Structures are given as structure tokens and as C-alpha cells.
Amino acid sequence: MPLTAQAQGTDLGKKYAATLDCTADHPTYPWVCEKGDAWSLDSFAIEEGKDFQLRLGPSKVVFGRNGTNALWAVVLADKPGKLGTTQPGDGEEVTRVFLRFNPALVGKLFPTKTVKGAGPELGDRAREMGLRAEDQQ
């Protein structure tokens, strides 16, 4: 039986095990973004039917977390990707994406097969984006 190489990614759903869930009062949680929270991605994609599609090639992602709960992520594309939408903005180039999400969705948003492994230290840049986004809420 021939041996074939299997792509081994990192399961971020296990790395960032969710212990928080949505509550009626929507509390604000303090977060940290440390060296071990940066990852290299082969690709990043998110879509909502025909109304919204975003596909990026190789990228870096950095997480803001509370304990093991990923609360937000900043995706930084190595090269611009294109936004596909039925709304204004179709075809726009995208180089950065800020996401806030339920911690239980981290494995769905960043599938194991797309996570190459630990990424470079991007904490200061990501923290700055996280703080700016937090200020706008």
C-alpha cells in the first residue's frame, strides 16, 4: 500500500475551546492578544449565499481571546482578494478583515485544512485594529 502525504493543519476549534455563549445581557469581556495567537493560513473564505463572497489567498490571522475563547480575529491577506457582493462594493480589493463572532464558530470560520501553523508576531498591529473596532461600538 503506497504512503501518501496528508495535509495536517491546526484545529483552531480545539486550540480556542469555547466556554462562552450568547447571553441576553451581552456582556463585554476583557481580551488579550499574545504571541501564540497568530497563525498562518493557506486561504480564508467567507460567504453568505450569492449576496456576499470573500476569498483570500495566503494570509495571517490573529485572535483576541478571553481565556480559551476567541472573541475576534483580524485576517491580514498577503495579497489583495476581491469582494463579491450584490451590494455596492462588488469587485473591491480586500487586504484586511476584522471579525467578531461566537467563540464556538472559530473552527468553522478557520477550517483545520486552511491553518498552516503558527504565524509571525502580529500582536501590536492586530491589537490596534481590535481596539479601534471596540471604540466604534
N, C-alpha and C. Protein backbone atom coordinates (compact mmCIF):
# COMPACT_ATOMS: atom_id res chain seq x y z
N MET A 1 0.84 -1.17 0.00
CA MET A 1 0.00 0.00 0.00
C MET A 1 0.89 1.24 0.00
N PRO A 2 0.73 2.13 -1.01
CA PRO A 2 1.59 3.32 -1.08
C PRO A 2 1.23 4.32 0.03
N LEU A 3 2.24 4.98 0.51
CA LEU A 3 2.04 6.02 1.51
C LEU A 3 1.82 7.34 0.81
N THR A 4 0.84 8.07 1.25
CA THR A 4 0.61 9.41 0.69
C THR A 4 0.67 10.41 1.82
N ALA A 5 1.17 11.57 1.49
CA ALA A 5 1.27 12.64 2.50
C ALA A 5 -0.11 13.25 2.71
N GLN A 6 -0.49 13.40 3.94
CA GLN A 6 -1.75 14.06 4.30
C GLN A 6 -1.44 15.46 4.80
N ALA A 7 -2.18 16.43 4.32
CA ALA A 7 -2.01 17.80 4.81
C ALA A 7 -2.50 17.85 6.26
N GLN A 8 -1.65 18.28 7.13
CA GLN A 8 -2.01 18.39 8.54
C GLN A 8 -2.11 19.85 8.91
N GLY A 9 -3.29 20.31 9.21
CA GLY A 9 -3.47 21.68 9.65
C GLY A 9 -3.61 21.72 11.16
N THR A 10 -3.87 22.89 11.66
CA THR A 10 -4.07 23.08 13.09
C THR A 10 -5.56 23.30 13.34
N ASP A 11 -6.12 22.56 14.28
CA ASP A 11 -7.53 22.67 14.61
C ASP A 11 -7.71 23.80 15.62
N LEU A 12 -8.09 24.97 15.12
CA LEU A 12 -8.27 26.13 15.99
C LEU A 12 -9.49 25.99 16.89
N GLY A 13 -10.43 25.13 16.51
CA GLY A 13 -11.58 24.86 17.36
C GLY A 13 -11.16 24.18 18.66
N LYS A 14 -10.09 23.39 18.60
CA LYS A 14 -9.55 22.76 19.81
C LYS A 14 -8.63 23.72 20.55
N LYS A 15 -7.83 24.46 19.82
CA LYS A 15 -6.91 25.41 20.43
C LYS A 15 -7.67 26.48 21.21
N TYR A 16 -8.75 26.97 20.62
CA TYR A 16 -9.57 28.00 21.25
C TYR A 16 -10.93 27.40 21.62
N ALA A 17 -10.90 26.51 22.60
CA ALA A 17 -12.12 25.82 23.04
C ALA A 17 -13.11 26.83 23.62
N ALA A 18 -14.32 26.81 23.10
CA ALA A 18 -15.35 27.77 23.51
C ALA A 18 -15.98 27.36 24.83
N THR A 19 -15.98 28.29 25.77
CA THR A 19 -16.68 28.09 27.04
C THR A 19 -17.72 29.19 27.26
N LEU A 20 -17.75 30.18 26.38
CA LEU A 20 -18.72 31.27 26.45
C LEU A 20 -19.79 31.06 25.38
N ASP A 21 -20.97 31.58 25.62
CA ASP A 21 -22.02 31.54 24.62
C ASP A 21 -22.82 32.83 24.71
N CYS A 22 -23.71 33.03 23.81
CA CYS A 22 -24.53 34.23 23.78
C CYS A 22 -25.43 34.28 25.01
N THR A 23 -25.52 35.43 25.60
CA THR A 23 -26.42 35.64 26.74
C THR A 23 -27.27 36.87 26.48
N ALA A 24 -28.37 36.96 27.18
CA ALA A 24 -29.31 38.07 26.97
C ALA A 24 -28.69 39.43 27.25
N ASP A 25 -27.77 39.49 28.22
CA ASP A 25 -27.19 40.79 28.57
C ASP A 25 -25.96 41.16 27.75
N HIS A 26 -25.46 40.29 26.91
CA HIS A 26 -24.32 40.56 26.03
C HIS A 26 -23.17 41.26 26.75
N PRO A 27 -22.59 40.62 27.75
CA PRO A 27 -21.51 41.28 28.50
C PRO A 27 -20.28 41.51 27.62
N THR A 28 -19.51 42.51 27.99
CA THR A 28 -18.24 42.76 27.33
C THR A 28 -17.17 42.01 28.10
N TYR A 29 -16.34 41.29 27.38
CA TYR A 29 -15.28 40.51 28.02
C TYR A 29 -13.93 41.15 27.75
N PRO A 30 -13.08 41.19 28.75
CA PRO A 30 -11.70 41.66 28.51
C PRO A 30 -11.00 40.64 27.62
N TRP A 31 -10.04 41.10 26.84
CA TRP A 31 -9.34 40.18 25.95
C TRP A 31 -7.85 40.47 25.94
N VAL A 32 -7.10 39.46 25.50
CA VAL A 32 -5.66 39.58 25.28
C VAL A 32 -5.35 39.08 23.88
N CYS A 33 -4.24 39.51 23.37
CA CYS A 33 -3.74 39.08 22.07
C CYS A 33 -2.25 38.88 22.25
N GLU A 34 -1.82 37.63 22.34
CA GLU A 34 -0.43 37.33 22.66
C GLU A 34 0.27 36.65 21.49
N LYS A 35 1.57 36.45 21.65
CA LYS A 35 2.38 35.89 20.57
C LYS A 35 1.80 34.59 20.00
N GLY A 36 1.31 33.71 20.84
CA GLY A 36 0.78 32.43 20.37
C GLY A 36 -0.56 32.52 19.70
N ASP A 37 -1.11 33.72 19.52
CA ASP A 37 -2.42 33.89 18.91
C ASP A 37 -2.36 34.29 17.44
N ALA A 38 -1.19 34.17 16.83
CA ALA A 38 -1.01 34.48 15.41
C ALA A 38 -0.81 33.17 14.64
N TRP A 39 -1.47 33.06 13.48
CA TRP A 39 -1.44 31.84 12.68
C TRP A 39 -1.29 32.16 11.20
N SER A 40 -0.70 31.25 10.47
CA SER A 40 -0.58 31.38 9.01
C SER A 40 -1.67 30.54 8.36
N LEU A 41 -2.32 31.12 7.37
CA LEU A 41 -3.40 30.44 6.65
C LEU A 41 -3.02 30.22 5.20
N ASP A 42 -3.42 29.07 4.65
CA ASP A 42 -3.29 28.85 3.20
C ASP A 42 -4.27 29.73 2.46
N SER A 43 -5.45 29.93 3.07
CA SER A 43 -6.50 30.72 2.45
C SER A 43 -7.53 31.09 3.51
N PHE A 44 -8.38 32.04 3.16
CA PHE A 44 -9.51 32.42 4.01
C PHE A 44 -10.69 32.70 3.10
N ALA A 45 -11.84 32.16 3.44
CA ALA A 45 -13.04 32.40 2.64
C ALA A 45 -14.25 32.50 3.55
N ILE A 46 -15.13 33.40 3.19
CA ILE A 46 -16.40 33.52 3.91
C ILE A 46 -17.44 33.93 2.87
N GLU A 47 -18.61 33.32 2.98
CA GLU A 47 -19.66 33.71 2.05
C GLU A 47 -21.03 33.49 2.66
N GLU A 48 -21.95 34.29 2.18
CA GLU A 48 -23.35 34.21 2.56
C GLU A 48 -24.16 34.15 1.27
N GLY A 49 -24.30 32.96 0.76
CA GLY A 49 -25.04 32.75 -0.49
C GLY A 49 -24.44 33.56 -1.63
N LYS A 50 -25.31 34.09 -2.48
CA LYS A 50 -24.86 34.90 -3.62
C LYS A 50 -24.68 36.37 -3.26
N ASP A 51 -25.10 36.74 -2.05
CA ASP A 51 -25.06 38.14 -1.65
C ASP A 51 -23.69 38.62 -1.19
N PHE A 52 -22.84 37.69 -0.73
CA PHE A 52 -21.55 38.11 -0.19
C PHE A 52 -20.55 36.96 -0.28
N GLN A 53 -19.44 37.21 -0.95
CA GLN A 53 -18.35 36.24 -1.02
C GLN A 53 -17.03 36.98 -0.89
N LEU A 54 -16.16 36.41 -0.08
CA LEU A 54 -14.81 36.95 0.06
C LEU A 54 -13.85 35.78 0.11
N ARG A 55 -12.88 35.80 -0.78
CA ARG A 55 -11.86 34.75 -0.83
C ARG A 55 -10.50 35.41 -0.85
N LEU A 56 -9.67 35.00 0.11
CA LEU A 56 -8.30 35.49 0.18
C LEU A 56 -7.36 34.31 0.04
N GLY A 57 -6.20 34.56 -0.53
CA GLY A 57 -5.17 33.54 -0.62
C GLY A 57 -4.42 33.46 0.70
N PRO A 58 -3.13 33.15 0.64
CA PRO A 58 -2.34 33.07 1.87
C PRO A 58 -2.49 34.33 2.72
N SER A 59 -2.69 34.11 4.01
CA SER A 59 -2.97 35.21 4.94
C SER A 59 -2.42 34.87 6.31
N LYS A 60 -2.48 35.86 7.18
CA LYS A 60 -2.17 35.68 8.60
C LYS A 60 -3.45 36.01 9.35
N VAL A 61 -3.66 35.34 10.48
CA VAL A 61 -4.80 35.66 11.33
C VAL A 61 -4.30 35.78 12.76
N VAL A 62 -4.85 36.75 13.46
CA VAL A 62 -4.52 36.98 14.87
C VAL A 62 -5.83 37.05 15.63
N PHE A 63 -5.86 36.40 16.79
CA PHE A 63 -7.07 36.34 17.61
C PHE A 63 -6.94 37.17 18.87
N GLY A 64 -8.02 37.83 19.24
CA GLY A 64 -8.18 38.41 20.57
C GLY A 64 -9.00 37.40 21.35
N ARG A 65 -8.57 37.06 22.55
CA ARG A 65 -9.25 35.98 23.27
C ARG A 65 -9.43 36.32 24.74
N ASN A 66 -10.39 35.63 25.32
CA ASN A 66 -10.64 35.66 26.75
C ASN A 66 -10.51 34.22 27.21
N GLY A 67 -9.44 33.91 27.94
CA GLY A 67 -9.16 32.52 28.27
C GLY A 67 -8.92 31.75 26.98
N THR A 68 -9.68 30.69 26.76
CA THR A 68 -9.54 29.92 25.52
C THR A 68 -10.56 30.34 24.47
N ASN A 69 -11.35 31.35 24.75
CA ASN A 69 -12.41 31.79 23.83
C ASN A 69 -11.90 32.84 22.86
N ALA A 70 -11.90 32.53 21.57
CA ALA A 70 -11.57 33.53 20.55
C ALA A 70 -12.77 34.45 20.41
N LEU A 71 -12.56 35.74 20.68
CA LEU A 71 -13.65 36.72 20.62
C LEU A 71 -13.68 37.48 19.31
N TRP A 72 -12.50 37.68 18.72
CA TRP A 72 -12.40 38.38 17.46
C TRP A 72 -11.15 37.91 16.72
N ALA A 73 -11.11 38.21 15.44
CA ALA A 73 -9.96 37.87 14.62
C ALA A 73 -9.70 38.98 13.62
N VAL A 74 -8.43 39.19 13.32
CA VAL A 74 -8.02 40.07 12.24
C VAL A 74 -7.31 39.19 11.22
N VAL A 75 -7.81 39.19 9.99
CA VAL A 75 -7.19 38.45 8.89
C VAL A 75 -6.45 39.46 8.03
N LEU A 76 -5.17 39.21 7.81
CA LEU A 76 -4.31 40.09 7.01
C LEU A 76 -3.83 39.31 5.79
N ALA A 77 -4.34 39.66 4.63
CA ALA A 77 -4.01 38.94 3.41
C ALA A 77 -2.61 39.31 2.90
N ASP A 78 -1.88 38.32 2.41
CA ASP A 78 -0.57 38.59 1.80
C ASP A 78 -0.73 39.41 0.53
N LYS A 79 -1.80 39.14 -0.23
CA LYS A 79 -2.12 39.88 -1.46
C LYS A 79 -3.62 40.15 -1.44
N PRO A 80 -4.06 41.26 -2.04
CA PRO A 80 -5.49 41.58 -2.01
C PRO A 80 -6.36 40.50 -2.63
N GLY A 81 -7.52 40.29 -2.02
CA GLY A 81 -8.55 39.44 -2.59
C GLY A 81 -9.67 40.33 -3.09
N LYS A 82 -10.67 39.73 -3.72
CA LYS A 82 -11.79 40.51 -4.27
C LYS A 82 -13.07 40.20 -3.51
N LEU A 83 -13.84 41.25 -3.27
CA LEU A 83 -15.14 41.13 -2.65
C LEU A 83 -16.17 40.90 -3.74
N GLY A 84 -17.02 39.91 -3.52
CA GLY A 84 -18.13 39.66 -4.43
C GLY A 84 -19.42 39.90 -3.68
N THR A 85 -20.24 40.81 -4.17
CA THR A 85 -21.48 41.14 -3.48
C THR A 85 -22.51 41.68 -4.47
N THR A 86 -23.76 41.54 -4.10
CA THR A 86 -24.83 42.12 -4.90
C THR A 86 -25.07 43.57 -4.49
N GLN A 87 -24.34 44.03 -3.49
CA GLN A 87 -24.45 45.40 -2.97
C GLN A 87 -23.31 46.26 -3.52
N PRO A 88 -23.35 47.57 -3.33
CA PRO A 88 -22.22 48.39 -3.72
C PRO A 88 -20.93 47.88 -3.08
N GLY A 89 -19.85 47.92 -3.81
CA GLY A 89 -18.57 47.41 -3.32
C GLY A 89 -18.12 46.17 -4.06
N ASP A 90 -18.97 45.64 -4.93
CA ASP A 90 -18.60 44.44 -5.69
C ASP A 90 -17.30 44.67 -6.45
N GLY A 91 -16.37 43.75 -6.31
CA GLY A 91 -15.10 43.85 -7.01
C GLY A 91 -14.02 44.60 -6.25
N GLU A 92 -14.37 45.21 -5.12
CA GLU A 92 -13.37 45.95 -4.33
C GLU A 92 -12.28 44.99 -3.85
N GLU A 93 -11.06 45.51 -3.76
CA GLU A 93 -9.95 44.73 -3.22
C GLU A 93 -10.00 44.77 -1.69
N VAL A 94 -9.69 43.63 -1.08
CA VAL A 94 -9.71 43.49 0.37
C VAL A 94 -8.36 42.97 0.84
N THR A 95 -7.76 43.64 1.81
CA THR A 95 -6.48 43.19 2.36
C THR A 95 -6.58 42.86 3.85
N ARG A 96 -7.62 43.37 4.53
CA ARG A 96 -7.80 43.13 5.97
C ARG A 96 -9.27 42.88 6.26
N VAL A 97 -9.50 41.97 7.21
CA VAL A 97 -10.86 41.68 7.63
C VAL A 97 -10.86 41.60 9.15
N PHE A 98 -11.80 42.31 9.79
CA PHE A 98 -11.99 42.21 11.23
C PHE A 98 -13.28 41.46 11.46
N LEU A 99 -13.22 40.40 12.26
CA LEU A 99 -14.40 39.57 12.54
C LEU A 99 -14.66 39.49 14.04
N ARG A 100 -15.91 39.67 14.43
CA ARG A 100 -16.36 39.34 15.79
C ARG A 100 -17.34 38.21 15.63
N PHE A 101 -17.24 37.20 16.48
CA PHE A 101 -18.04 36.00 16.28
C PHE A 101 -18.23 35.26 17.59
N ASN A 102 -19.21 34.36 17.59
CA ASN A 102 -19.41 33.47 18.72
C ASN A 102 -18.18 32.57 18.81
N PRO A 103 -17.57 32.44 19.97
CA PRO A 103 -16.35 31.62 20.11
C PRO A 103 -16.50 30.19 19.59
N ALA A 104 -17.70 29.65 19.61
CA ALA A 104 -17.91 28.29 19.13
C ALA A 104 -17.73 28.16 17.62
N LEU A 105 -17.69 29.27 16.90
CA LEU A 105 -17.58 29.24 15.43
C LEU A 105 -16.16 29.31 14.90
N VAL A 106 -15.16 29.42 15.76
CA VAL A 106 -13.78 29.61 15.28
C VAL A 106 -13.35 28.47 14.35
N GLY A 107 -13.70 27.23 14.66
CA GLY A 107 -13.32 26.10 13.80
C GLY A 107 -14.03 26.11 12.46
N LYS A 108 -15.23 26.65 12.41
CA LYS A 108 -15.97 26.76 11.15
C LYS A 108 -15.41 27.89 10.28
N LEU A 109 -15.10 29.01 10.91
CA LEU A 109 -14.56 30.15 10.17
C LEU A 109 -13.14 29.89 9.66
N PHE A 110 -12.38 29.10 10.42
CA PHE A 110 -10.99 28.80 10.08
C PHE A 110 -10.79 27.29 10.09
N PRO A 111 -11.23 26.60 9.01
CA PRO A 111 -11.14 25.14 8.98
C PRO A 111 -9.68 24.65 9.11
N THR A 112 -9.53 23.51 9.76
CA THR A 112 -8.22 22.92 10.01
C THR A 112 -7.37 22.86 8.75
N LYS A 113 -7.96 22.48 7.63
CA LYS A 113 -7.19 22.31 6.39
C LYS A 113 -6.58 23.61 5.87
N THR A 114 -7.07 24.76 6.35
CA THR A 114 -6.54 26.04 5.88
C THR A 114 -5.47 26.63 6.80
N VAL A 115 -5.31 26.07 8.01
CA VAL A 115 -4.39 26.63 9.00
C VAL A 115 -3.05 25.91 8.90
N LYS A 116 -2.04 26.62 8.36
CA LYS A 116 -0.72 26.00 8.16
C LYS A 116 0.02 25.79 9.47
N GLY A 117 -0.14 26.68 10.40
CA GLY A 117 0.56 26.57 11.68
C GLY A 117 0.77 27.95 12.27
N ALA A 118 1.64 27.99 13.26
CA ALA A 118 1.90 29.25 13.96
C ALA A 118 2.38 30.31 12.98
N GLY A 119 1.93 31.53 13.20
CA GLY A 119 2.30 32.63 12.32
C GLY A 119 3.27 33.57 12.99
N PRO A 120 3.66 34.60 12.27
CA PRO A 120 4.58 35.60 12.83
C PRO A 120 3.89 36.45 13.88
N GLU A 121 4.66 37.11 14.69
CA GLU A 121 4.12 38.00 15.71
C GLU A 121 3.50 39.22 15.03
N LEU A 122 2.21 39.35 15.16
CA LEU A 122 1.48 40.49 14.59
C LEU A 122 0.63 41.17 15.66
N GLY A 123 0.91 40.86 16.91
CA GLY A 123 0.07 41.28 18.01
C GLY A 123 -0.20 42.77 18.07
N ASP A 124 0.82 43.62 17.96
CA ASP A 124 0.60 45.06 18.09
C ASP A 124 -0.32 45.57 17.00
N ARG A 125 -0.10 45.13 15.77
CA ARG A 125 -0.93 45.56 14.65
C ARG A 125 -2.38 45.09 14.84
N ALA A 126 -2.54 43.83 15.25
CA ALA A 126 -3.88 43.28 15.46
C ALA A 126 -4.56 43.93 16.65
N ARG A 127 -3.82 44.12 17.75
CA ARG A 127 -4.41 44.76 18.93
C ARG A 127 -4.92 46.15 18.59
N GLU A 128 -4.15 46.88 17.78
CA GLU A 128 -4.57 48.22 17.38
C GLU A 128 -5.89 48.17 16.62
N MET A 129 -6.03 47.20 15.70
CA MET A 129 -7.27 47.06 14.94
C MET A 129 -8.41 46.65 15.86
N GLY A 130 -8.14 45.77 16.82
CA GLY A 130 -9.17 45.34 17.77
C GLY A 130 -9.64 46.48 18.64
N LEU A 131 -8.72 47.30 19.08
CA LEU A 131 -9.08 48.45 19.91
C LEU A 131 -9.89 49.47 19.12
N ARG A 132 -9.50 49.70 17.87
CA ARG A 132 -10.26 50.64 17.03
C ARG A 132 -11.68 50.15 16.81
N ALA A 133 -11.83 48.86 16.54
CA ALA A 133 -13.15 48.30 16.33
C ALA A 133 -14.00 48.38 17.59
N GLU A 134 -13.38 48.12 18.73
CA GLU A 134 -14.08 48.18 20.01
C GLU A 134 -14.58 49.61 20.27
N ASP A 135 -13.78 50.61 19.93
CA ASP A 135 -14.16 52.00 20.13
C ASP A 135 -15.36 52.41 19.29
N GLN A 136 -15.56 51.75 18.16
CA GLN A 136 -16.64 52.12 17.25
C GLN A 136 -17.99 51.50 17.65
N GLN A 137 -18.00 50.68 18.67
CA GLN A 137 -19.26 50.04 19.07
C GLN A 137 -20.01 50.87 20.05
